[in-house]
Amino acid sequence: MRVSITAKKNGPYRVEVAEGECKVLDAEGKAFDLKGKTAFSLCRCGQSQNKPFCDGTHGRVGFQSDDPAPRVSG
């Protein structure tokens, strides 16, 4: 399973995956319908009306986040 998740600056988690290779489950284990999706965004700001998916509200509420990956010393 190849999944790429990118924390967008001041925005959502962007998930890119081959169709059918990823599941998003609710608290009761029921799967959200991702049929035909190879990319989607997950809310990080907590304000989306379409949780767990992003609806762009982060831009309207001024969500700020800076999550750089730690540097690995060589």
C-alpha atoms as a PDB file:
ATOM      1  CA  MET A   1       0.000   0.000   0.000  1.00  0.00           C
ATOM      2  CA  ARG A   2       1.528   3.330  -1.076  1.00  0.00           C
ATOM      3  CA  VAL A   3       0.143   6.348   0.732  1.00  0.00           C
ATOM      4  CA  SER A   4       1.509   9.872   0.772  1.00  0.00           C
ATOM      5  CA  ILE A   5       0.283  12.283   3.468  1.00  0.00           C
ATOM      6  CA  THR A   6       1.388  15.905   3.303  1.00  0.00           C
ATOM      7  CA  ALA A   7       0.764  18.392   6.108  1.00  0.00           C
ATOM      8  CA  LYS A   8      -0.113  21.519   4.118  1.00  0.00           C
ATOM      9  CA  LYS A   9       1.100  24.768   5.685  1.00  0.00           C
ATOM     10  CA  ASN A  10      -1.860  26.350   7.507  1.00  0.00           C
ATOM     11  CA  GLY A  11      -4.128  23.780   5.896  1.00  0.00           C
ATOM     12  CA  PRO A  12      -5.257  20.163   5.872  1.00  0.00           C
ATOM     13  CA  TYR A  13      -3.491  16.839   5.649  1.00  0.00           C
ATOM     14  CA  ARG A  14      -3.446  15.967   1.932  1.00  0.00           C
ATOM     15  CA  VAL A  15      -3.698  12.221   1.298  1.00  0.00           C
ATOM     16  CA  GLU A  16      -2.683  10.734  -2.056  1.00  0.00           C
ATOM     17  CA  VAL A  17      -3.143   7.027  -2.680  1.00  0.00           C
ATOM     18  CA  ALA A  18      -4.100   4.568  -5.395  1.00  0.00           C
ATOM     19  CA  GLU A  19      -7.866   4.006  -5.501  1.00  0.00           C
ATOM     20  CA  GLY A  20      -8.947   1.327  -3.067  1.00  0.00           C
ATOM     21  CA  GLU A  21      -5.632   1.319  -1.173  1.00  0.00           C
ATOM     22  CA  CYS A  22      -6.773   3.365   1.826  1.00  0.00           C
ATOM     23  CA  LYS A  23      -9.673   3.346   4.262  1.00  0.00           C
ATOM     24  CA  VAL A  24     -10.917   6.134   6.514  1.00  0.00           C
ATOM     25  CA  LEU A  25     -13.036   4.818   9.363  1.00  0.00           C
ATOM     26  CA  ASP A  26     -15.357   6.587  11.807  1.00  0.00           C
ATOM     27  CA  ALA A  27     -15.233   5.992  15.569  1.00  0.00           C
ATOM     28  CA  GLU A  28     -17.484   2.942  15.167  1.00  0.00           C
ATOM     29  CA  GLY A  29     -15.344   1.373  12.431  1.00  0.00           C
ATOM     30  CA  LYS A  30     -17.675   2.258   9.545  1.00  0.00           C
ATOM     31  CA  ALA A  31     -15.809   3.213   6.366  1.00  0.00           C
ATOM     32  CA  PHE A  32     -16.330   6.535   4.612  1.00  0.00           C
ATOM     33  CA  ASP A  33     -17.033   6.224   0.873  1.00  0.00           C
ATOM     34  CA  LEU A  34     -13.786   6.909  -0.982  1.00  0.00           C
ATOM     35  CA  LYS A  35     -14.840   5.230  -4.231  1.00  0.00           C
ATOM     36  CA  GLY A  36     -13.076   6.867  -7.163  1.00  0.00           C
ATOM     37  CA  LYS A  37     -10.832   8.946  -4.892  1.00  0.00           C
ATOM     38  CA  THR A  38      -7.075   8.973  -5.352  1.00  0.00           C
ATOM     39  CA  ALA A  39      -6.597  12.137  -3.281  1.00  0.00           C
ATOM     40  CA  PHE A  40      -8.497  13.838  -0.473  1.00  0.00           C
ATOM     41  CA  SER A  41      -7.812  16.226   2.385  1.00  0.00           C
ATOM     42  CA  LEU A  42      -8.365  15.636   6.094  1.00  0.00           C
ATOM     43  CA  CYS A  43      -9.286  18.529   8.389  1.00  0.00           C
ATOM     44  CA  ARG A  44      -6.657  19.769  10.854  1.00  0.00           C
ATOM     45  CA  CYS A  45      -8.315  22.972  12.040  1.00  0.00           C
ATOM     46  CA  GLY A  46     -11.321  21.253  13.637  1.00  0.00           C
ATOM     47  CA  GLN A  47     -13.799  23.623  12.016  1.00  0.00           C
ATOM     48  CA  SER A  48     -14.847  21.709   8.871  1.00  0.00           C
ATOM     49  CA  GLN A  49     -18.558  21.029   8.446  1.00  0.00           C
ATOM     50  CA  ASN A  50     -17.583  17.843   6.567  1.00  0.00           C
ATOM     51  CA  LYS A  51     -15.299  16.172   9.155  1.00  0.00           C
ATOM     52  CA  PRO A  52     -13.050  14.314   8.928  1.00  0.00           C
ATOM     53  CA  PHE A  53     -12.620  15.845   5.478  1.00  0.00           C
ATOM     54  CA  CYS A  54     -11.502  19.401   4.793  1.00  0.00           C
ATOM     55  CA  ASP A  55     -14.028  21.874   3.384  1.00  0.00           C
ATOM     56  CA  GLY A  56     -11.694  24.892   3.215  1.00  0.00           C
ATOM     57  CA  THR A  57     -12.838  26.451   6.492  1.00  0.00           C
ATOM     58  CA  HIS A  58      -9.214  26.700   7.683  1.00  0.00           C
ATOM     59  CA  GLY A  59      -8.763  29.662   5.340  1.00  0.00           C
ATOM     60  CA  ARG A  60     -11.783  31.522   6.702  1.00  0.00           C
ATOM     61  CA  VAL A  61     -10.866  30.973  10.365  1.00  0.00           C
ATOM     62  CA  GLY A  62      -7.177  31.815   9.945  1.00  0.00           C
ATOM     63  CA  PHE A  63      -5.843  28.405  11.007  1.00  0.00           C
ATOM     64  CA  GLN A  64      -2.090  28.564  11.603  1.00  0.00           C
ATOM     65  CA  SER A  65       0.225  25.578  11.788  1.00  0.00           C
ATOM     66  CA  ASP A  66       3.852  24.993  11.055  1.00  0.00           C
ATOM     67  CA  ASP A  67       4.782  21.337  11.323  1.00  0.00           C
ATOM     68  CA  PRO A  68       8.197  20.895   9.740  1.00  0.00           C
ATOM     69  CA  ALA A  69       9.603  17.388   9.791  1.00  0.00           C
ATOM     70  CA  PRO A  70      12.599  17.053  12.078  1.00  0.00           C
ATOM     71  CA  ARG A  71      15.973  17.083  10.370  1.00  0.00           C
ATOM     72  CA  VAL A  72      17.940  13.872  10.637  1.00  0.00           C
ATOM     73  CA  SER A  73      21.560  14.525  11.467  1.00  0.00           C
ATOM     74  CA  GLY A  74      23.943  12.552   9.336  1.00  0.00           C
END
